[in-house]
């Protein structure tokens, strides 16, 4: 009985863990777009790239937007869809924009 309750308790927590990992990109490397495609995406959006890295299985672009503000953009590695866009406002407060709206 204890074993059954332990297993059920564990299974009840699994969906919560999946929901918390919402920003993570779990895509097989074989399905990833090349780093050059990420650089082209940045160029098309007027961003100056300082660095492209991989974080939590997603591409992350560090650089500046067309207006010179520092930005950090999280990009899905297979679709190149922007998952999260973060930048510094003039008053140096971090601001995050997610797909579907602002998180102010």
N, C-alpha and C. Protein backbone atom coordinates (compact mmCIF):
# COMPACT_ATOMS: atom_id res chain seq x y z
N UNK A 1 0.83 -1.20 0.00
CA UNK A 1 0.00 0.00 0.00
C UNK A 1 0.87 1.26 0.00
N UNK A 2 1.92 1.27 0.84
CA UNK A 2 2.80 2.44 0.88
C UNK A 2 3.47 2.67 -0.48
N UNK A 3 3.84 1.56 -1.11
CA UNK A 3 4.50 1.67 -2.42
C UNK A 3 3.56 2.29 -3.44
N UNK A 4 2.30 1.88 -3.41
CA UNK A 4 1.31 2.40 -4.34
C UNK A 4 1.09 3.90 -4.10
N UNK A 5 0.99 4.32 -2.84
CA UNK A 5 0.80 5.74 -2.52
C UNK A 5 2.02 6.56 -2.94
N UNK A 6 3.20 6.00 -2.77
CA UNK A 6 4.42 6.70 -3.17
C UNK A 6 4.43 6.91 -4.68
N UNK A 7 4.08 5.88 -5.42
CA UNK A 7 4.07 5.99 -6.88
C UNK A 7 3.01 6.99 -7.33
N UNK A 8 1.83 6.94 -6.73
CA UNK A 8 0.77 7.88 -7.08
C UNK A 8 1.16 9.32 -6.74
N UNK A 9 1.83 9.51 -5.62
CA UNK A 9 2.30 10.84 -5.24
C UNK A 9 3.31 11.37 -6.24
N UNK A 10 4.22 10.52 -6.68
CA UNK A 10 5.20 10.92 -7.67
C UNK A 10 4.54 11.29 -8.98
N UNK A 11 3.60 10.47 -9.42
CA UNK A 11 2.92 10.73 -10.68
C UNK A 11 2.10 12.01 -10.63
N UNK A 12 1.60 12.37 -9.46
CA UNK A 12 0.83 13.60 -9.33
C UNK A 12 1.73 14.83 -9.51
N UNK A 13 3.01 14.72 -9.18
CA UNK A 13 3.93 15.85 -9.29
C UNK A 13 4.51 16.02 -10.68
N UNK A 14 4.51 14.99 -11.50
CA UNK A 14 5.11 15.05 -12.83
C UNK A 14 4.49 16.13 -13.69
N UNK A 15 3.17 16.25 -13.80
CA UNK A 15 2.61 17.33 -14.64
C UNK A 15 3.02 18.72 -14.17
N UNK A 16 3.16 18.92 -12.87
CA UNK A 16 3.59 20.23 -12.36
C UNK A 16 5.01 20.53 -12.82
N UNK A 17 5.87 19.56 -12.82
CA UNK A 17 7.23 19.75 -13.29
C UNK A 17 7.28 20.08 -14.76
N UNK A 18 6.44 19.46 -15.55
CA UNK A 18 6.39 19.74 -16.98
C UNK A 18 5.90 21.17 -17.21
N UNK A 19 4.94 21.62 -16.45
CA UNK A 19 4.42 22.98 -16.61
C UNK A 19 5.48 24.01 -16.24
N UNK A 20 6.32 23.74 -15.26
CA UNK A 20 7.36 24.66 -14.86
C UNK A 20 8.45 24.77 -15.91
N UNK A 21 8.64 23.74 -16.71
CA UNK A 21 9.69 23.72 -17.74
C UNK A 21 9.16 24.23 -19.08
N UNK A 22 8.20 25.12 -19.04
CA UNK A 22 7.52 25.60 -20.24
C UNK A 22 8.45 26.30 -21.22
N UNK A 23 9.48 27.00 -20.72
CA UNK A 23 10.38 27.74 -21.60
C UNK A 23 11.46 26.87 -22.22
N UNK A 24 11.61 25.66 -21.75
CA UNK A 24 12.64 24.77 -22.25
C UNK A 24 12.26 24.23 -23.62
N UNK A 25 13.26 24.04 -24.46
CA UNK A 25 13.05 23.52 -25.81
C UNK A 25 13.62 22.11 -25.86
N UNK A 26 12.79 21.14 -25.93
CA UNK A 26 13.25 19.76 -26.00
C UNK A 26 13.04 19.24 -27.41
N UNK A 27 14.06 19.43 -28.24
CA UNK A 27 14.01 19.05 -29.64
C UNK A 27 15.29 18.27 -29.95
N UNK A 28 15.19 17.14 -30.64
CA UNK A 28 16.41 16.41 -31.01
C UNK A 28 17.33 17.31 -31.84
N UNK A 29 18.62 17.23 -31.59
CA UNK A 29 19.60 18.07 -32.30
C UNK A 29 19.49 17.92 -33.82
N UNK A 30 19.09 16.76 -34.29
CA UNK A 30 18.95 16.54 -35.74
C UNK A 30 17.89 17.46 -36.36
N UNK A 31 16.95 17.95 -35.54
CA UNK A 31 15.87 18.81 -36.02
C UNK A 31 16.18 20.30 -35.87
N UNK A 32 17.33 20.64 -35.34
CA UNK A 32 17.68 22.04 -35.11
C UNK A 32 18.05 22.75 -36.41
N UNK A 33 17.70 24.02 -36.49
CA UNK A 33 18.17 24.89 -37.55
C UNK A 33 19.63 25.25 -37.24
N UNK A 34 20.44 25.51 -38.25
CA UNK A 34 21.84 25.86 -37.98
C UNK A 34 21.97 27.23 -37.32
N UNK A 35 23.08 27.45 -36.65
CA UNK A 35 23.35 28.71 -35.96
C UNK A 35 23.32 29.89 -36.95
N UNK A 36 23.74 29.64 -38.20
CA UNK A 36 23.69 30.70 -39.22
C UNK A 36 22.26 31.19 -39.46
N UNK A 37 21.28 30.29 -39.37
CA UNK A 37 19.88 30.67 -39.55
C UNK A 37 19.43 31.58 -38.40
N UNK A 38 19.95 31.34 -37.20
CA UNK A 38 19.62 32.19 -36.05
C UNK A 38 20.22 33.58 -36.27
N UNK A 39 21.45 33.61 -36.77
CA UNK A 39 22.10 34.89 -37.05
C UNK A 39 21.32 35.67 -38.12
N UNK A 40 20.81 34.97 -39.14
CA UNK A 40 20.02 35.63 -40.17
C UNK A 40 18.71 36.18 -39.59
N UNK A 41 18.09 35.41 -38.69
CA UNK A 41 16.87 35.88 -38.02
C UNK A 41 17.14 37.19 -37.29
N UNK A 42 18.25 37.23 -36.58
CA UNK A 42 18.61 38.45 -35.85
C UNK A 42 18.83 39.61 -36.82
N UNK A 43 19.55 39.36 -37.89
CA UNK A 43 19.81 40.40 -38.88
C UNK A 43 18.51 40.93 -39.50
N UNK A 44 17.58 40.03 -39.81
CA UNK A 44 16.30 40.41 -40.40
C UNK A 44 15.48 41.29 -39.45
N UNK A 45 15.69 41.11 -38.14
CA UNK A 45 14.97 41.90 -37.14
C UNK A 45 15.73 43.15 -36.73
N UNK A 46 16.89 43.39 -37.34
CA UNK A 46 17.66 44.58 -37.02
C UNK A 46 18.46 44.47 -35.73
N UNK A 47 18.69 43.25 -35.25
CA UNK A 47 19.43 43.05 -34.01
C UNK A 47 20.91 42.89 -34.31
N UNK A 48 21.75 43.44 -33.44
CA UNK A 48 23.19 43.23 -33.51
C UNK A 48 23.53 42.12 -32.51
N UNK A 49 24.13 41.06 -32.99
CA UNK A 49 24.40 39.88 -32.16
C UNK A 49 25.76 40.01 -31.49
N UNK A 50 25.75 39.85 -30.19
CA UNK A 50 27.00 39.77 -29.43
C UNK A 50 27.39 38.32 -29.26
N UNK A 51 26.36 37.48 -29.01
CA UNK A 51 26.62 36.06 -28.78
C UNK A 51 25.34 35.27 -29.01
N UNK A 52 25.51 34.08 -29.60
CA UNK A 52 24.42 33.11 -29.71
C UNK A 52 24.86 31.90 -28.90
N UNK A 53 24.03 31.53 -27.93
CA UNK A 53 24.37 30.37 -27.11
C UNK A 53 23.15 29.46 -26.99
N UNK A 54 23.36 28.32 -26.36
CA UNK A 54 22.28 27.37 -26.11
C UNK A 54 22.00 27.37 -24.62
N UNK A 55 20.73 27.56 -24.25
CA UNK A 55 20.32 27.57 -22.86
C UNK A 55 19.01 26.82 -22.73
N UNK A 56 18.97 25.81 -21.88
CA UNK A 56 17.78 24.97 -21.68
C UNK A 56 17.28 24.39 -22.99
N UNK A 57 18.19 24.07 -23.90
CA UNK A 57 17.82 23.46 -25.16
C UNK A 57 17.30 24.43 -26.20
N UNK A 58 17.33 25.74 -25.89
CA UNK A 58 16.89 26.77 -26.82
C UNK A 58 18.10 27.58 -27.26
N UNK A 59 17.99 28.21 -28.42
CA UNK A 59 18.97 29.21 -28.80
C UNK A 59 18.68 30.47 -27.99
N UNK A 60 19.73 31.17 -27.59
CA UNK A 60 19.58 32.44 -26.89
C UNK A 60 20.50 33.44 -27.55
N UNK A 61 19.93 34.54 -28.00
CA UNK A 61 20.68 35.61 -28.65
C UNK A 61 20.89 36.73 -27.63
N UNK A 62 22.15 37.10 -27.42
CA UNK A 62 22.49 38.27 -26.61
C UNK A 62 22.99 39.34 -27.57
N UNK A 63 22.45 40.54 -27.45
CA UNK A 63 22.90 41.59 -28.35
C UNK A 63 22.16 42.88 -28.10
N UNK A 64 21.94 43.62 -29.18
CA UNK A 64 21.25 44.91 -29.11
C UNK A 64 20.19 44.98 -30.21
N UNK A 65 19.09 45.66 -29.89
CA UNK A 65 18.04 45.84 -30.90
C UNK A 65 18.40 47.00 -31.81
N UNK A 66 17.51 47.33 -32.74
CA UNK A 66 17.77 48.38 -33.73
C UNK A 66 17.95 49.75 -33.07
N UNK A 67 17.41 49.92 -31.86
CA UNK A 67 17.53 51.19 -31.14
C UNK A 67 18.71 51.21 -30.18
N UNK A 68 19.51 50.15 -30.19
CA UNK A 68 20.71 50.10 -29.36
C UNK A 68 20.52 49.57 -27.95
N UNK A 69 19.31 49.14 -27.61
CA UNK A 69 19.07 48.59 -26.27
C UNK A 69 19.56 47.16 -26.19
N UNK A 70 20.09 46.78 -25.04
CA UNK A 70 20.52 45.41 -24.83
C UNK A 70 19.31 44.49 -24.83
N UNK A 71 19.44 43.34 -25.50
CA UNK A 71 18.35 42.38 -25.58
C UNK A 71 18.86 40.97 -25.32
N UNK A 72 17.94 40.13 -24.92
CA UNK A 72 18.17 38.69 -24.79
C UNK A 72 16.93 38.02 -25.37
N UNK A 73 17.12 37.26 -26.44
CA UNK A 73 16.00 36.66 -27.16
C UNK A 73 16.15 35.14 -27.12
N UNK A 74 15.11 34.45 -26.68
CA UNK A 74 15.10 32.99 -26.67
C UNK A 74 14.35 32.53 -27.92
N UNK A 75 14.98 31.62 -28.67
CA UNK A 75 14.46 31.18 -29.96
C UNK A 75 14.35 29.66 -29.98
N UNK A 76 13.21 29.16 -30.47
CA UNK A 76 13.02 27.72 -30.60
C UNK A 76 13.99 27.19 -31.65
N UNK A 77 14.75 26.14 -31.35
CA UNK A 77 15.80 25.69 -32.25
C UNK A 77 15.31 25.06 -33.56
N UNK A 78 14.13 24.52 -33.59
CA UNK A 78 13.63 23.87 -34.81
C UNK A 78 12.83 24.83 -35.68
N UNK A 79 12.01 25.66 -35.06
CA UNK A 79 11.11 26.54 -35.82
C UNK A 79 11.63 27.97 -35.95
N UNK A 80 12.61 28.33 -35.14
CA UNK A 80 13.15 29.69 -35.03
C UNK A 80 12.10 30.69 -34.59
N UNK A 81 11.07 30.20 -33.92
CA UNK A 81 10.04 31.07 -33.35
C UNK A 81 10.61 31.74 -32.10
N UNK A 82 10.37 33.04 -31.94
CA UNK A 82 10.80 33.76 -30.74
C UNK A 82 9.90 33.33 -29.59
N UNK A 83 10.51 32.76 -28.57
CA UNK A 83 9.77 32.29 -27.40
C UNK A 83 9.71 33.38 -26.34
N UNK A 84 10.80 34.10 -26.17
CA UNK A 84 10.86 35.16 -25.17
C UNK A 84 11.78 36.26 -25.67
N UNK A 85 11.41 37.50 -25.40
CA UNK A 85 12.20 38.66 -25.79
C UNK A 85 12.34 39.53 -24.55
N UNK A 86 13.57 39.75 -24.13
CA UNK A 86 13.82 40.55 -22.93
C UNK A 86 14.77 41.68 -23.28
N UNK A 87 14.49 42.87 -22.77
CA UNK A 87 15.36 44.01 -23.02
C UNK A 87 15.39 44.93 -21.82
N UNK A 88 16.37 45.84 -21.84
CA UNK A 88 16.51 46.82 -20.78
C UNK A 88 15.86 48.11 -21.23
N UNK A 89 14.97 48.67 -20.41
CA UNK A 89 14.37 49.96 -20.69
C UNK A 89 15.38 51.06 -20.37
N UNK A 90 15.04 52.31 -20.71
CA UNK A 90 15.92 53.44 -20.43
C UNK A 90 16.23 53.58 -18.95
N UNK A 91 15.28 53.20 -18.10
CA UNK A 91 15.52 53.30 -16.66
C UNK A 91 16.16 52.04 -16.09
N UNK A 92 16.72 51.19 -16.96
CA UNK A 92 17.48 49.99 -16.58
C UNK A 92 16.66 48.93 -15.86
N UNK A 93 15.34 48.98 -15.96
CA UNK A 93 14.52 47.90 -15.42
C UNK A 93 14.37 46.83 -16.48
N UNK A 94 14.63 45.55 -16.14
CA UNK A 94 14.41 44.52 -17.15
C UNK A 94 12.94 44.43 -17.51
N UNK A 95 12.68 44.23 -18.78
CA UNK A 95 11.31 44.08 -19.25
C UNK A 95 11.25 42.83 -20.09
N UNK A 96 10.23 42.02 -19.90
CA UNK A 96 10.09 40.79 -20.64
C UNK A 96 8.83 40.81 -21.46
N UNK A 97 8.99 40.40 -22.69
CA UNK A 97 7.84 40.21 -23.57
C UNK A 97 7.83 38.75 -23.95
N UNK A 98 6.67 38.14 -23.81
CA UNK A 98 6.51 36.75 -24.21
C UNK A 98 5.52 36.72 -25.35
N UNK A 99 5.55 35.62 -26.04
CA UNK A 99 4.59 35.42 -27.12
C UNK A 99 3.19 35.64 -26.56
N UNK A 100 2.45 36.52 -27.19
CA UNK A 100 1.08 36.73 -26.76
C UNK A 100 0.90 37.95 -25.88
N UNK A 101 1.98 38.70 -25.55
CA UNK A 101 1.76 39.91 -24.78
C UNK A 101 2.90 40.24 -23.86
N UNK A 102 2.72 41.35 -23.14
CA UNK A 102 3.72 41.84 -22.19
C UNK A 102 3.53 41.22 -20.83
N UNK A 103 4.62 41.15 -20.08
CA UNK A 103 4.58 40.67 -18.69
C UNK A 103 4.90 41.80 -17.74
N UNK A 104 4.52 43.04 -18.06
CA UNK A 104 4.88 44.19 -17.22
C UNK A 104 4.28 44.09 -15.88
